[in-house]
Amino acid sequence: MQWGSLISTVVGAVIGVLATLAADLSRAKRTRQDSEHNARRQLYADYLAALASTRNHLRLAARSAHTPPEERARKAIEAFKEGNAYELRYQVALISPQSVIEASTAAFRALRELRDLIEEGALHTEPSYLDLRDRWEEYFAELRTVMRNDLSSHPPR
């Protein structure tokens, strides 16, 4: 009878240890997933803010009709350099699904084309500028949508 009691005690202890270990592993996995989700959400927000800020500075450069073209071009180049979009774009590419990478590339390229157009002397009232601005806005909206979809498909637990 003592052996039976001892075996029951050992089996109970093993079950308890295994249950605790399983719970700890599950909790650690959830914590890691939550941390990854929060990091991705923050990166997406930072990247969208960088693109929007760059776009705003490009808009200001294109609206400076009384500023010499060389100065507008310099402002457009500076807006792109200081916006931090390049650096964040590469970070997005490292952790995002293909749909986000493709939307990011399209939005980034449209913004870069807008910068190039301003460098060439375009003003905010010219049809080529307006067409490219509209295309940028469509790509930017699509980027926000795919990022939102990515975040909602992997919500924190």
Protein backbone atom coordinates (compact mmCIF):
# COMPACT_ATOMS: atom_id res chain seq x y z
CA MET A 1 0.00 0.00 0.00
CA GLN A 2 2.87 2.37 0.64
CA TRP A 3 4.19 1.86 -2.85
CA GLY A 4 0.80 2.67 -4.31
CA SER A 5 0.59 5.83 -2.26
CA LEU A 6 4.13 6.83 -3.23
CA ILE A 7 3.44 6.21 -6.92
CA SER A 8 0.23 8.25 -6.70
CA THR A 9 2.13 11.09 -5.06
CA VAL A 10 4.89 11.01 -7.70
CA VAL A 11 2.38 10.84 -10.56
CA GLY A 12 0.44 13.74 -9.05
CA ALA A 13 3.63 15.76 -8.68
CA VAL A 14 4.68 15.04 -12.27
CA ILE A 15 1.25 16.03 -13.55
CA GLY A 16 1.40 19.23 -11.52
CA VAL A 17 4.88 20.11 -12.81
CA LEU A 18 3.87 19.35 -16.41
CA ALA A 19 0.70 21.44 -16.10
CA THR A 20 2.68 24.36 -14.67
CA LEU A 21 5.30 24.02 -17.41
CA ALA A 22 2.61 23.94 -20.12
CA ALA A 23 0.94 27.02 -18.66
CA ASP A 24 4.28 28.86 -18.47
CA LEU A 25 5.13 27.97 -22.07
CA SER A 26 1.71 29.09 -23.25
CA ARG A 27 2.02 32.37 -21.35
CA ALA A 28 5.51 32.97 -22.76
CA LYS A 29 4.25 32.33 -26.29
CA ARG A 30 1.35 34.79 -25.82
CA THR A 31 3.72 37.39 -24.38
CA ARG A 32 6.07 37.01 -27.35
CA GLN A 33 3.19 37.24 -29.83
CA ASP A 34 1.81 40.32 -28.09
CA SER A 35 5.24 41.91 -28.11
CA GLU A 36 5.72 41.19 -31.82
CA HIS A 37 2.25 42.55 -32.62
CA ASN A 38 2.89 45.74 -30.66
CA ALA A 39 6.27 46.22 -32.32
CA ARG A 40 4.74 45.74 -35.79
CA ARG A 41 1.89 48.13 -34.96
CA GLN A 42 4.37 50.78 -33.77
CA LEU A 43 6.57 50.34 -36.83
CA TYR A 44 3.55 50.63 -39.15
CA ALA A 45 2.45 53.80 -37.36
CA ASP A 46 5.96 55.27 -37.52
CA TYR A 47 6.27 54.44 -41.22
CA LEU A 48 2.89 55.93 -42.11
CA ALA A 49 3.77 59.06 -40.13
CA ALA A 50 7.12 59.34 -41.94
CA LEU A 51 5.43 59.03 -45.33
CA ALA A 52 2.75 61.57 -44.38
CA SER A 53 5.32 64.02 -43.04
CA THR A 54 7.43 63.67 -46.18
CA ARG A 55 4.32 64.18 -48.31
CA ASN A 56 3.40 67.30 -46.35
CA HIS A 57 6.87 68.81 -46.86
CA LEU A 58 6.71 67.97 -50.56
CA ARG A 59 3.33 69.68 -50.74
CA LEU A 60 4.80 72.80 -49.16
CA ALA A 61 7.64 72.78 -51.66
CA ALA A 62 5.23 72.42 -54.59
CA ARG A 63 3.09 75.31 -53.30
CA SER A 64 6.02 77.73 -53.14
CA ALA A 65 5.30 79.36 -56.50
CA HIS A 66 7.36 82.44 -55.67
CA THR A 67 10.37 80.41 -54.60
CA PRO A 68 13.03 79.80 -57.26
CA PRO A 69 12.83 76.30 -58.81
CA GLU A 70 16.27 75.39 -57.46
CA GLU A 71 15.12 76.14 -53.91
CA ARG A 72 11.92 74.12 -54.39
CA ALA A 73 14.03 71.23 -55.69
CA ARG A 74 16.30 71.47 -52.63
CA LYS A 75 13.27 71.48 -50.33
CA ALA A 76 11.89 68.39 -52.06
CA ILE A 77 15.18 66.54 -51.68
CA GLU A 78 15.46 67.56 -48.03
CA ALA A 79 11.89 66.50 -47.32
CA PHE A 80 12.69 63.03 -48.57
CA LYS A 81 15.99 62.79 -46.69
CA GLU A 82 14.63 64.03 -43.38
CA GLY A 83 11.37 62.08 -43.50
CA ASN A 84 13.03 58.83 -42.36
CA ALA A 85 10.85 56.86 -44.77
CA TYR A 86 13.78 55.02 -46.38
CA GLU A 87 14.97 53.54 -43.12
CA LEU A 88 11.51 52.59 -41.91
CA ARG A 89 10.62 51.09 -45.28
CA TYR A 90 13.41 48.55 -44.93
CA GLN A 91 12.28 47.67 -41.42
CA VAL A 92 8.73 47.15 -42.69
CA ALA A 93 10.09 44.86 -45.42
CA LEU A 94 11.80 42.68 -42.80
CA ILE A 95 8.75 41.88 -40.69
CA SER A 96 5.73 42.27 -42.96
CA PRO A 97 3.79 39.90 -45.17
CA GLN A 98 4.12 40.26 -48.93
CA SER A 99 0.88 42.26 -49.25
CA VAL A 100 2.24 44.99 -46.96
CA ILE A 101 5.63 45.00 -48.70
CA GLU A 102 3.99 45.43 -52.11
CA ALA A 103 1.70 48.23 -50.91
CA SER A 104 4.62 49.90 -49.15
CA THR A 105 6.74 49.78 -52.30
CA ALA A 106 3.95 51.25 -54.44
CA ALA A 107 3.29 54.12 -52.00
CA PHE A 108 6.97 54.84 -51.53
CA ARG A 109 7.66 54.90 -55.27
CA ALA A 110 4.70 57.21 -55.92
CA LEU A 111 6.00 59.57 -53.24
CA ARG A 112 9.49 59.45 -54.74
CA GLU A 113 8.03 60.22 -58.18
CA LEU A 114 6.24 63.19 -56.66
CA ARG A 115 9.54 64.39 -55.25
CA ASP A 116 11.19 63.97 -58.67
CA LEU A 117 8.41 65.95 -60.33
CA ILE A 118 8.86 68.81 -57.87
CA GLU A 119 12.61 68.67 -58.43
CA GLU A 120 11.91 69.15 -62.12
CA GLY A 121 10.01 72.33 -61.27
CA ALA A 122 6.38 71.23 -61.09
CA LEU A 123 3.97 73.28 -59.00
CA HIS A 124 0.92 72.05 -57.11
CA THR A 125 -1.48 73.34 -59.78
CA GLU A 126 -0.03 71.42 -62.74
CA PRO A 127 -1.97 68.43 -64.10
CA SER A 128 1.03 66.10 -63.87
CA TYR A 129 1.42 66.99 -60.19
CA LEU A 130 -2.29 66.58 -59.50
CA ASP A 131 -2.40 63.17 -61.23
CA LEU A 132 0.62 61.91 -59.33
CA ARG A 133 -0.71 63.32 -56.05
CA ASP A 134 -3.98 61.45 -56.58
CA ARG A 135 -2.10 58.23 -57.36
CA TRP A 136 0.00 58.69 -54.20
CA GLU A 137 -3.15 59.13 -52.12
CA GLU A 138 -4.62 55.92 -53.55
CA TYR A 139 -1.45 53.96 -52.80
CA PHE A 140 -1.22 55.46 -49.32
CA ALA A 141 -4.84 54.49 -48.60
CA GLU A 142 -4.15 50.96 -49.85
CA LEU A 143 -1.06 50.74 -47.62
CA ARG A 144 -3.10 51.73 -44.57
CA THR A 145 -5.70 49.11 -45.46
CA VAL A 146 -3.25 46.21 -45.86
CA MET A 147 -1.43 47.21 -42.67
CA ARG A 148 -4.71 47.31 -40.77
CA ASN A 149 -5.65 43.91 -42.22
CA ASP A 150 -2.30 42.47 -41.21
CA LEU A 151 -2.65 43.74 -37.67
CA SER A 152 -6.23 42.51 -37.33
CA SER A 153 -5.35 39.05 -38.69
CA HIS A 154 -2.80 38.65 -35.87
CA PRO A 155 -4.41 40.48 -32.94
CA PRO A 156 -2.77 40.47 -29.54
CA ARG A 157 -4.23 37.89 -27.16
